[in-house]
Amino acid sequence: MDGRYRTLIPAAVLAGHLDDPRWVVVDCRFALGDPSLGERHFSQSRIPGARYAHLDRDLSSPITEVSGRHPLPEAGAFARTLADLGITPDSQVVVYDDSFGSIAVRLWWLLRWAGHDAVTLLDGGWPAWKRHKLPLEEGPPRRIVSADSPYPVHPDKAAVVNAQFVDTIRLAPDWRLLDARPEERFTGERENIDPVAGHIPGSANRSFEDNLDFDGTFLPADELRESLLASLNGIPPEKTVHTCGSGVTACHNLLAMEHAGLPGSKLYAGSWSEWIRDSARPIAVGAG
């Protein structure tokens, strides 16, 4: 091992690296119902030295008439965002939020997609940091020293699929389509975010919450592996596509797969909110 962190890092370990200039900590707190809430909380209190990335502004591109709610950022724009955050190819990046990693995993996945391997999620996030009574920084955030040039983003095109691809494989017996939304949204019993309830026909439900222990940290890798293999139902990771509401919480399952030693899955970035933009696409309700 080279000492780099690529999936999860405990709060106590991060606390020992706060003064390391090669380490960049990024706060990704965000609330769908109040998009400025996370940034307001960041401005009040944060992990020392952390900088902030906004899901809508920094980790997504503008919504279009045919896109989902959080389209992937354009490579050039993301390169500039990384530079503004002070991230270089030598950085060890740590991302966190206050919602079980369900937002911060988007930046984790984007960095991996961009070709940056040394990025990890703070296990348990902001609640774990406070629970362990680790140092806090309050008041105005520190000034960020931007990188000298945009990050050299090299998107992994094989890691992402589009709606046409999903429509082709969704009923194929040798592919697996896993939806990371909570069960009640997958079945269509409750939908308080998107205008249409249900799921993509042929998909199976694997809520991101299934990756978590009682305290909001991830389950041990061996338990995750056993659970994920059951969700895969005999299909290899390389023939698995992850989806959710808008391509964010699906990344939680992708990180869990990686941590469990099951890398190679793909992301349908548009996810349900893009799928329902075209009324000709089929939908399903119920358990699937």
Foldseek 3Di string as FASTA:
>chain_A
DPPFDFEEDELVVVLVCLPPPQEAEEEEAADPVDQCVSVVVVQFKDDARYYYDGQQPQQADDDDLQFFPGHGDDQVSNLQSCQQSAHELSHQYEYFYQPLCLFRLSVSVQCVQQPRRRYYYYFLGPVSNVVVVGDMDGHGHDRHDGHPDGYNGDGPVLQEDEPVVCVVCLQPPQAAEEEQDPQCQQQQVDDDDAPGGHFAPSYAYDHLCVQADPSSGGDQLCVLLVVVVVNCVPHAQQRYEYAYRAQRSSSSNQSSCVSNVRHHHHYHRRHPRSQVSDVVHDGHHHRD
